[in-house]
Amino acid sequence: MRRHRIPHLVLFAIAAGWAPAAAAAPARAERPSADAAAPPQAGSAAIALAIQEEAGGALKRFYAERDFRPLWASGGKIGRSAGTLIGFLETAELDGLKPSSYDIDDLREAVAAPRGGDPRAVARAELALSDAFARYVRDQRKGGVRMIYADKKLKPKKPKVENVLRAAAFPKSFDDYVTDMGWMSQQYVRLRQLAARAQKQGVSEEVMARLHLNLDRARLLPSPWTHHVVVDASSGRLWYYGQGKQAGTMRVVVGAKETQTPMLVGTLQWAILNPYWNVPTYLARNSIAPKVLAGRSLASLKMEALSDWSTSPRKLAASEIDWPAVAAGDQELRLRELPGAHNSMGRVKFLFPNGEGIYLHDTPERDLLKKPDRHFSNGCIRLEDAAALGRWLLQKPLPRASKAVEQAVLLPVQVPVYLTYITAAATDSGVAFRDDVYGRDGGG
């Protein structure tokens, strides 16, 4: 399958950890030692030489790619990002981690040491910061909660040290990347801030435990540097991200309590214009069959019955269908709603292969999107603005099918989609939780 090469693929590659091969480091024999080369005032060349001599393992591999230029130091001095990182480490309990794991006192000493301008002291502080940063990021990615990974390639793995640092070095502003915790999802950052606020207010252990459950769900989401879509089935909202920022958001209708939208990760691959709607078997039994037995025809319902679920089924005649058997659950019947303005899928649906029968789609039922509680669907996600999402996924306006027939359009880039469930929200007075409609927080 051919994929078009576009700029945000490069962003995804580096954020995900697969970047071009490292440039070879200059031969060590051709370089003088840092002590011999260092002028009275530590210059960038002297610091680079010191980093080359002090670094080892994964850190050396990373710094060799950038000719041993520092990440944390500028103009011979360690920058403000060092203090930001130390602040995160001091409050690592908010992440469910132990601050004592990060040798914070030693890190502070290392950061304070180069104030006299010694390039070796700068290099040691630089390497200590990168080591602590990589360990912290890797630890934040641990654990989480159970998700269904329809695309096994998206199942999270502990990132390599050099990949963590490559991703941090990519944005234009390293300071902003650290300050914004740009390696984590925006949902995670928001919840972490909310947990800090709740902790200061002295909330109960029960509230903090529920907050941490939400954080564990959010830690599985990518950073905004990864091109992806997130659907939150608690709030009934969708976001899409790329190039380090939120590209858009909209309301969505999600599964009702009885037909929940699952915690699911997959890869969006197709836009289907003028889609059919394949009616779930339980709806054919519980909804359509009673209507037909009460006198409606499939034609009046703008539906048709098919012989099977293959790619080339035969259309069934009315005389071939035993509706009492369908209503009783003794016969399984494939029904599909015909394309058109009336269709429950609306103008377009976006497919990602999964065994749960879930997809994102347009909807003619616009009133449901205006409701504050939007748990009404059979599990799929109904979109407030399918055209906007389609434009972002296709990188051009959503085309119109030439005829009122189903038409498949391959996305130019396959995009990960994450279906999650985050109940915690901020209020003026502190933390609050939306109704736990699905009972996943342990409540009603």
Protein backbone atom coordinates (compact mmCIF):
# COMPACT_ATOMS: atom_id res chain seq x y z
CA MET A 1 0.00 0.00 0.00
CA ARG A 2 1.54 3.29 -1.05
CA ARG A 3 1.71 6.14 1.47
CA HIS A 4 2.13 9.78 0.56
CA ARG A 5 5.02 11.58 2.17
CA ILE A 6 3.89 14.64 4.07
CA PRO A 7 5.48 16.86 6.73
CA HIS A 8 3.63 15.57 9.77
CA LEU A 9 4.93 12.06 9.11
CA VAL A 10 8.35 13.35 10.12
CA LEU A 11 6.88 14.70 13.35
CA PHE A 12 5.26 11.38 14.08
CA ALA A 13 8.46 9.52 13.34
CA ILE A 14 10.59 11.45 15.78
CA ALA A 15 7.92 11.59 18.49
CA ALA A 16 7.44 7.85 18.22
CA GLY A 17 11.16 7.22 18.40
CA TRP A 18 12.18 6.18 14.88
CA ALA A 19 14.47 8.88 13.56
CA PRO A 20 17.22 8.95 10.94
CA ALA A 21 20.37 7.07 11.85
CA ALA A 22 22.79 8.91 14.10
CA ALA A 23 25.59 10.83 12.50
CA ALA A 24 28.96 9.29 13.24
CA ALA A 25 30.83 10.95 16.07
CA PRO A 26 34.16 12.57 15.14
CA ALA A 27 37.15 10.37 15.93
CA ARG A 28 38.19 10.88 19.52
CA ALA A 29 41.91 10.85 18.70
CA GLU A 30 41.51 13.99 16.60
CA ARG A 31 40.04 16.01 19.49
CA PRO A 32 41.97 17.53 22.38
CA SER A 33 40.69 16.85 25.88
CA ALA A 34 38.08 19.18 27.37
CA ASP A 35 40.56 20.35 30.02
CA ALA A 36 43.16 21.29 27.42
CA ALA A 37 40.66 22.92 25.08
CA ALA A 38 38.55 24.83 27.59
CA PRO A 39 39.12 28.59 27.70
CA PRO A 40 38.69 30.49 30.98
CA GLN A 41 35.05 31.04 30.07
CA ALA A 42 33.33 27.76 29.15
CA GLY A 43 32.45 27.86 25.47
CA SER A 44 30.12 25.62 23.55
CA ALA A 45 32.99 23.70 21.95
CA ALA A 46 34.56 22.95 25.33
CA ILE A 47 31.23 21.78 26.74
CA ALA A 48 30.67 19.52 23.72
CA LEU A 49 34.11 17.99 24.20
CA ALA A 50 33.39 17.43 27.88
CA ILE A 51 30.04 15.79 27.10
CA GLN A 52 31.78 13.49 24.61
CA GLU A 53 34.28 12.42 27.25
CA GLU A 54 31.79 12.08 30.13
CA ALA A 55 28.85 10.41 28.34
CA GLY A 56 28.34 6.68 28.00
CA GLY A 57 25.78 4.18 26.77
CA ALA A 58 22.44 5.51 25.51
CA LEU A 59 23.33 9.08 26.47
CA LYS A 60 26.46 8.95 24.35
CA ARG A 61 24.51 7.58 21.40
CA PHE A 62 22.01 10.42 21.66
CA TYR A 63 24.57 13.19 22.05
CA ALA A 64 26.72 11.79 19.22
CA GLU A 65 23.75 12.37 16.88
CA ARG A 66 23.88 16.10 17.71
CA ASP A 67 27.70 16.40 17.69
CA PHE A 68 27.60 16.46 21.53
CA ARG A 69 25.79 19.79 21.68
CA PRO A 70 24.02 20.28 25.03
CA LEU A 71 20.26 20.12 25.43
CA TRP A 72 19.89 21.74 28.86
CA ALA A 73 22.74 24.29 28.66
CA SER A 74 22.93 27.44 26.56
CA GLY A 75 25.67 30.03 26.55
CA GLY A 76 27.69 27.94 29.00
CA LYS A 77 24.90 27.90 31.59
CA ILE A 78 22.24 25.40 32.58
CA GLY A 79 18.84 26.82 31.58
CA ARG A 80 15.55 27.21 33.40
CA SER A 81 14.28 23.82 32.24
CA ALA A 82 16.47 22.21 34.88
CA GLY A 83 14.41 23.81 37.65
CA THR A 84 11.20 22.80 35.90
CA LEU A 85 12.30 19.17 35.73
CA ILE A 86 13.37 19.16 39.38
CA GLY A 87 9.93 20.54 40.28
CA PHE A 88 8.27 17.66 38.43
CA LEU A 89 10.51 15.13 40.18
CA GLU A 90 9.75 16.62 43.59
CA THR A 91 6.04 16.11 42.95
CA ALA A 92 6.35 12.72 41.23
CA GLU A 93 3.83 11.24 43.67
CA LEU A 94 1.21 12.97 41.52
CA ASP A 95 2.28 10.56 38.76
CA GLY A 96 2.04 7.59 41.10
CA LEU A 97 5.87 7.56 41.32
CA LYS A 98 8.38 7.97 44.18
CA PRO A 99 10.42 11.22 44.22
CA SER A 100 13.14 9.35 46.09
CA SER A 101 13.79 7.31 42.92
CA TYR A 102 15.39 10.28 41.19
CA ASP A 103 18.26 11.34 43.52
CA ILE A 104 16.96 14.89 43.53
CA ASP A 105 19.55 16.25 46.00
CA ASP A 106 22.41 14.95 43.84
CA LEU A 107 20.74 16.45 40.78
CA ARG A 108 20.48 19.84 42.46
CA GLU A 109 24.18 19.73 43.36
CA ALA A 110 25.08 18.83 39.79
CA VAL A 111 23.01 21.74 38.45
CA ALA A 112 24.57 24.19 40.94
CA ALA A 113 28.18 23.09 40.29
CA PRO A 114 28.80 24.76 36.89
CA ARG A 115 28.10 28.27 38.10
CA GLY A 116 31.85 28.91 38.02
CA GLY A 117 31.93 28.19 34.29
CA ASP A 118 33.78 24.85 34.31
CA PRO A 119 32.83 23.01 31.10
CA ARG A 120 33.19 19.61 32.77
CA ALA A 121 30.74 20.68 35.49
CA VAL A 122 28.32 21.86 32.79
CA ALA A 123 28.68 18.53 30.99
CA ARG A 124 28.07 16.53 34.16
CA ALA A 125 24.98 18.59 34.97
CA GLU A 126 23.79 18.18 31.38
CA LEU A 127 24.13 14.41 31.50
CA ALA A 128 22.60 14.13 34.98
CA LEU A 129 19.56 16.11 33.80
CA SER A 130 19.14 14.00 30.66
CA ASP A 131 19.45 10.80 32.66
CA ALA A 132 16.85 11.90 35.25
CA PHE A 133 14.56 13.23 32.54
CA ALA A 134 14.66 10.00 30.53
CA ARG A 135 14.02 7.87 33.63
CA TYR A 136 11.09 10.08 34.63
CA VAL A 137 9.47 10.00 31.18
CA ARG A 138 9.92 6.24 30.91
CA ASP A 139 8.39 5.75 34.37
CA GLN A 140 5.41 7.96 33.53
CA ARG A 141 4.64 5.65 30.61
CA LYS A 142 4.48 2.56 32.82
CA GLY A 143 1.25 0.85 33.71
CA GLY A 144 -2.08 2.36 32.83
CA VAL A 145 -5.36 0.51 32.60
CA ARG A 146 -6.69 -2.21 30.34
CA MET A 147 -7.32 -1.18 26.75
CA ILE A 148 -8.32 -3.21 23.71
CA TYR A 149 -5.55 -2.81 21.13
CA ALA A 150 -7.17 -3.49 17.77
CA ASP A 151 -3.85 -2.46 16.23
CA LYS A 152 -1.17 -4.34 18.18
CA LYS A 153 1.53 -1.98 16.89
CA LEU A 154 0.03 0.76 19.07
CA LYS A 155 0.37 -1.19 22.30
CA PRO A 156 2.72 0.97 24.39
CA LYS A 157 6.29 -0.12 24.97
CA LYS A 158 8.78 1.43 27.35
CA PRO A 159 10.60 4.00 25.20
CA LYS A 160 14.36 3.86 24.80
CA VAL A 161 16.41 6.56 26.52
CA GLU A 162 17.72 7.97 23.26
CA ASN A 163 14.19 8.09 21.80
CA VAL A 164 12.92 10.08 24.78
CA LEU A 165 15.71 12.59 24.27
CA ARG A 166 15.30 12.74 20.48
CA ALA A 167 11.63 13.61 20.91
CA ALA A 168 12.55 16.36 23.41
CA ALA A 169 15.20 17.82 21.10
CA PHE A 170 12.85 18.08 18.13
CA PRO A 171 10.52 21.00 19.04
CA LYS A 172 11.77 24.53 18.39
CA SER A 173 11.61 25.41 22.09
CA PHE A 174 13.02 22.82 24.47
CA ASP A 175 12.08 25.02 27.43
CA ASP A 176 8.43 25.09 26.34
CA TYR A 177 8.47 21.33 25.75
CA VAL A 178 9.63 20.70 29.32
CA THR A 179 7.36 23.33 30.89
CA ASP A 180 4.29 21.99 29.06
CA MET A 181 5.25 18.35 29.77
CA GLY A 182 5.06 17.94 26.01
CA TRP A 183 5.91 14.23 26.08
CA MET A 184 2.56 13.44 27.72
CA SER A 185 -0.97 13.94 26.44
CA GLN A 186 -2.72 17.22 27.17
CA GLN A 187 -5.35 15.24 29.06
CA TYR A 188 -2.67 13.82 31.34
CA VAL A 189 -1.13 17.25 31.99
CA ARG A 190 -4.55 18.69 32.85
CA LEU A 191 -5.32 15.84 35.24
CA ARG A 192 -1.90 16.10 36.89
CA GLN A 193 -2.51 19.79 37.56
CA LEU A 194 -5.94 18.91 38.93
CA ALA A 195 -4.40 16.28 41.21
CA ALA A 196 -1.89 18.84 42.53
CA ARG A 197 -4.73 21.24 43.29
CA ALA A 198 -6.78 18.52 44.98
CA GLN A 199 -3.79 17.47 47.08
CA LYS A 200 -3.31 21.04 48.33
CA GLN A 201 -6.99 21.18 49.24
CA GLY A 202 -6.62 18.02 51.31
CA VAL A 203 -9.26 15.97 49.50
CA SER A 204 -10.06 12.45 50.66
CA GLU A 205 -8.06 9.36 49.74
CA GLU A 206 -11.07 8.17 47.76
CA VAL A 207 -11.02 11.30 45.59
CA MET A 208 -7.25 11.03 45.01
CA ALA A 209 -7.59 7.35 44.13
CA ARG A 210 -10.25 8.17 41.55
CA LEU A 211 -8.06 10.94 40.15
CA HIS A 212 -5.17 8.52 39.81
CA LEU A 213 -7.42 6.06 37.99
CA ASN A 214 -8.17 8.82 35.48
CA LEU A 215 -4.45 9.63 35.23
CA ASP A 216 -3.73 5.98 34.49
CA ARG A 217 -6.18 6.12 31.59
CA ALA A 218 -4.63 9.33 30.29
CA ARG A 219 -1.03 8.10 30.50
CA LEU A 220 -1.81 5.67 27.66
CA LEU A 221 -2.60 8.55 25.29
CA PRO A 222 0.11 9.93 22.98
CA SER A 223 1.63 13.38 23.19
CA PRO A 224 0.35 16.08 20.80
CA TRP A 225 3.49 15.53 18.70
CA THR A 226 1.92 12.27 17.51
CA HIS A 227 -0.74 12.67 14.81
CA HIS A 228 -3.82 11.09 16.45
CA VAL A 229 -7.49 11.30 17.49
CA VAL A 230 -8.86 10.95 21.03
CA VAL A 231 -12.50 10.28 21.95
CA ASP A 232 -13.56 10.61 25.59
CA ALA A 233 -16.71 8.58 26.22
CA SER A 234 -17.29 10.28 29.57
CA SER A 235 -17.53 13.89 28.38
CA GLY A 236 -18.73 13.07 24.86
CA ARG A 237 -15.91 14.98 23.17
CA LEU A 238 -13.34 14.30 20.47
CA TRP A 239 -9.96 15.96 19.92
CA TYR A 240 -7.36 15.61 17.17
CA TYR A 241 -3.69 16.48 17.48
CA GLY A 242 -0.55 16.95 15.45
CA GLN A 243 2.66 18.97 15.29
CA GLY A 244 2.65 19.51 19.04
CA LYS A 245 -0.79 21.06 19.41
CA GLN A 246 -4.51 20.44 19.36
CA ALA A 247 -5.77 20.77 15.79
CA GLY A 248 -9.49 20.62 16.57
CA THR A 249 -12.25 19.40 18.88
CA MET A 250 -15.96 18.67 18.67
CA ARG A 251 -18.89 17.15 20.51
CA VAL A 252 -19.73 13.51 19.90
CA VAL A 253 -22.52 11.13 20.81
CA VAL A 254 -21.18 7.96 22.43
CA GLY A 255 -22.55 4.64 23.67
CA ALA A 256 -25.43 4.44 26.12
CA LYS A 257 -25.00 2.67 29.46
CA GLU A 258 -26.36 -0.55 27.96
CA THR A 259 -24.24 -0.30 24.76
CA GLN A 260 -20.99 1.23 25.98
CA THR A 261 -18.21 2.67 23.85
CA PRO A 262 -15.22 0.48 24.76
CA MET A 263 -11.72 1.51 25.82
CA LEU A 264 -10.16 0.86 22.44
CA VAL A 265 -7.11 1.79 20.34
CA GLY A 266 -6.96 1.35 16.57
CA THR A 267 -5.82 2.93 13.32
CA LEU A 268 -8.12 4.96 11.07
CA GLN A 269 -7.65 3.81 7.47
CA TRP A 270 -10.72 4.63 5.36
CA ALA A 271 -13.37 7.27 4.81
CA ILE A 272 -16.56 5.69 3.46
CA LEU A 273 -18.74 8.17 1.56
CA ASN A 274 -22.50 7.56 1.33
CA PRO A 275 -22.17 4.57 3.65
CA TYR A 276 -24.53 1.72 4.23
CA TRP A 277 -25.37 1.02 7.86
CA ASN A 278 -25.05 -2.63 8.77
CA VAL A 279 -27.71 -3.11 11.44
CA PRO A 280 -26.42 -4.99 14.52
CA THR A 281 -28.08 -8.38 14.98
CA TYR A 282 -29.65 -7.40 18.29
CA LEU A 283 -31.27 -4.33 16.69
CA ALA A 284 -32.57 -6.41 13.80
CA ARG A 285 -34.18 -8.67 16.40
CA ASN A 286 -35.37 -6.10 18.95
CA SER A 287 -36.19 -3.07 16.77
CA ILE A 288 -36.60 -3.86 13.08
CA ALA A 289 -38.40 -7.21 13.31
CA PRO A 290 -41.19 -5.84 15.59
CA LYS A 291 -41.75 -2.94 13.15
CA VAL A 292 -42.08 -5.30 10.19
CA LEU A 293 -44.41 -7.59 12.14
CA ALA A 294 -46.51 -4.50 12.95
CA GLY A 295 -46.96 -3.76 9.23
CA ARG A 296 -43.89 -1.82 8.06
CA SER A 297 -41.95 -2.96 5.01
CA LEU A 298 -38.16 -2.95 4.62
CA ALA A 299 -38.60 -0.58 1.67
CA SER A 300 -40.43 1.94 3.87
CA LEU A 301 -37.59 1.64 6.40
CA LYS A 302 -35.10 2.18 3.53
CA MET A 303 -33.41 -1.11 4.32
CA GLU A 304 -32.59 -4.36 2.58
CA ALA A 305 -31.94 -7.91 3.79
CA LEU A 306 -28.90 -9.85 2.57
CA SER A 307 -28.16 -13.57 2.48
CA ASP A 308 -24.95 -13.44 4.55
CA TRP A 309 -22.05 -11.26 5.77
CA SER A 310 -19.72 -11.96 2.85
CA THR A 311 -18.42 -9.30 0.45
CA SER A 312 -20.84 -10.44 -2.27
CA PRO A 313 -24.14 -11.36 -0.58
CA ARG A 314 -27.41 -11.99 -2.36
CA LYS A 315 -30.38 -9.68 -1.73
CA LEU A 316 -33.23 -11.57 -0.06
CA ALA A 317 -36.84 -11.41 -1.21
CA ALA A 318 -39.49 -10.66 1.41
CA SER A 319 -40.82 -14.22 1.10
CA GLU A 320 -37.46 -15.64 2.21
CA ILE A 321 -37.50 -13.96 5.63
CA ASP A 322 -39.08 -15.60 8.67
CA TRP A 323 -39.73 -12.46 10.73
CA PRO A 324 -41.22 -14.26 13.78
CA ALA A 325 -38.02 -16.35 13.92
CA VAL A 326 -35.89 -13.19 13.66
CA ALA A 327 -37.89 -11.53 16.44
CA ALA A 328 -37.53 -14.61 18.62
CA GLY A 329 -33.78 -14.76 18.06
CA ASP A 330 -34.01 -18.12 16.30
CA GLN A 331 -32.79 -16.74 12.98
CA GLU A 332 -29.95 -14.27 12.42
CA LEU A 333 -30.61 -11.81 9.61
CA ARG A 334 -28.25 -9.38 7.95
CA LEU A 335 -29.94 -6.02 7.42
CA ARG A 336 -28.43 -2.84 6.11
CA GLU A 337 -29.79 0.67 5.74
CA LEU A 338 -29.40 2.14 2.27
CA PRO A 339 -27.20 5.21 1.61
CA GLY A 340 -28.79 8.65 1.65
CA ALA A 341 -29.63 11.64 3.80
CA HIS A 342 -31.79 9.45 6.04
CA ASN A 343 -28.99 6.97 6.75
CA SER A 344 -27.91 6.67 10.39
CA MET A 345 -24.27 7.03 9.29
CA GLY A 346 -24.96 10.37 7.61
CA ARG A 347 -22.64 11.40 4.81
CA VAL A 348 -19.46 9.59 5.89
CA LYS A 349 -18.02 7.07 8.31
CA PHE A 350 -14.37 6.58 9.23
CA LEU A 351 -13.22 3.00 9.66
CA PHE A 352 -10.51 1.50 11.84
CA PRO A 353 -10.38 -2.31 11.90
CA ASN A 354 -11.56 -3.68 15.25
CA GLY A 355 -13.50 -6.63 16.56
CA GLU A 356 -15.97 -4.45 18.48
CA GLY A 357 -17.81 -3.07 15.43
CA ILE A 358 -16.93 0.53 16.38
CA TYR A 359 -16.35 3.42 13.99
CA LEU A 360 -16.69 7.20 13.78
CA HIS A 361 -19.48 8.59 11.63
CA ASP A 362 -21.65 11.53 10.64
CA THR A 363 -25.24 11.65 11.91
CA PRO A 364 -28.56 13.16 10.81
CA GLU A 365 -29.71 13.30 14.46
CA ARG A 366 -28.27 16.73 15.24
CA ASP A 367 -30.42 17.41 18.32
CA LEU A 368 -28.62 14.77 20.36
CA LEU A 369 -25.35 16.67 19.94
CA LYS A 370 -26.83 19.67 21.74
CA LYS A 371 -27.58 17.72 24.91
CA PRO A 372 -25.20 18.02 27.89
CA ASP A 373 -25.25 14.22 28.33
CA ARG A 374 -24.59 12.53 24.99
CA HIS A 375 -24.71 8.81 25.85
CA PHE A 376 -27.22 7.63 23.23
CA SER A 377 -25.47 5.50 20.60
CA ASN A 378 -25.05 1.75 20.21
CA GLY A 379 -21.33 2.15 20.90
CA CYS A 380 -20.14 3.97 17.78
CA ILE A 381 -19.13 7.64 17.82
CA ARG A 382 -21.43 10.16 16.09
CA LEU A 383 -19.59 13.29 15.01
CA GLU A 384 -20.67 16.90 15.38
CA ASP A 385 -18.53 17.99 12.41
CA ALA A 386 -17.60 15.01 10.25
CA ALA A 387 -16.53 17.34 7.43
CA ALA A 388 -13.91 19.03 9.63
CA LEU A 389 -12.48 15.72 10.81
CA GLY A 390 -12.52 14.43 7.24
CA ARG A 391 -10.65 17.50 6.01
CA TRP A 392 -7.98 16.94 8.66
CA LEU A 393 -7.68 13.20 7.98
CA LEU A 394 -7.67 13.54 4.18
CA GLN A 395 -5.67 16.81 4.13
CA LYS A 396 -8.27 18.24 1.78
CA PRO A 397 -12.04 18.85 1.82
CA LEU A 398 -14.16 15.73 2.11
CA PRO A 399 -15.17 14.79 -1.46
CA ARG A 400 -18.74 14.17 -2.51
CA ALA A 401 -19.52 10.80 -4.00
CA SER A 402 -20.57 11.08 -7.64
CA LYS A 403 -23.68 8.97 -7.03
CA ALA A 404 -25.79 7.94 -4.07
CA VAL A 405 -23.73 4.77 -3.67
CA GLU A 406 -21.13 3.77 -1.13
CA GLN A 407 -17.59 4.84 -2.02
CA ALA A 408 -14.38 4.04 -0.11
CA VAL A 409 -11.56 6.60 0.09
CA LEU A 410 -8.20 5.50 1.48
CA LEU A 411 -6.72 7.98 3.97
CA PRO A 412 -3.34 9.33 2.77
CA VAL A 413 -1.90 8.62 6.23
CA GLN A 414 -3.22 6.05 8.69
CA VAL A 415 -4.04 7.81 11.97
CA PRO A 416 -4.21 6.26 15.47
CA VAL A 417 -7.49 6.71 17.35
CA TYR A 418 -7.84 6.31 21.13
CA LEU A 419 -11.21 5.77 22.80
CA THR A 420 -10.86 6.55 26.51
CA TYR A 421 -12.98 7.41 29.56
CA ILE A 422 -11.98 10.37 31.73
CA THR A 423 -14.49 11.43 34.37
CA ALA A 424 -12.45 14.00 36.31
CA ALA A 425 -13.01 17.70 35.60
CA ALA A 426 -11.94 21.01 37.13
CA THR A 427 -14.40 23.45 38.70
CA ASP A 428 -13.93 26.86 40.30
CA SER A 429 -13.81 25.20 43.69
CA GLY A 430 -11.59 22.25 42.77
CA VAL A 431 -12.05 18.76 41.40
CA ALA A 432 -15.36 17.25 40.31
CA PHE A 433 -16.37 14.05 38.57
CA ARG A 434 -18.92 13.57 35.84
CA ASP A 435 -21.52 10.85 36.33
CA ASP A 436 -19.81 7.48 36.01
CA VAL A 437 -22.26 6.33 33.37
CA TYR A 438 -20.35 3.14 32.57
CA GLY A 439 -19.45 2.31 36.19
CA ARG A 440 -15.74 2.18 35.39
CA ASP A 441 -14.64 4.29 38.37
CA GLY A 442 -16.13 1.81 40.78
CA GLY A 443 -19.27 3.91 41.32
CA GLY A 444 -22.78 3.84 39.89
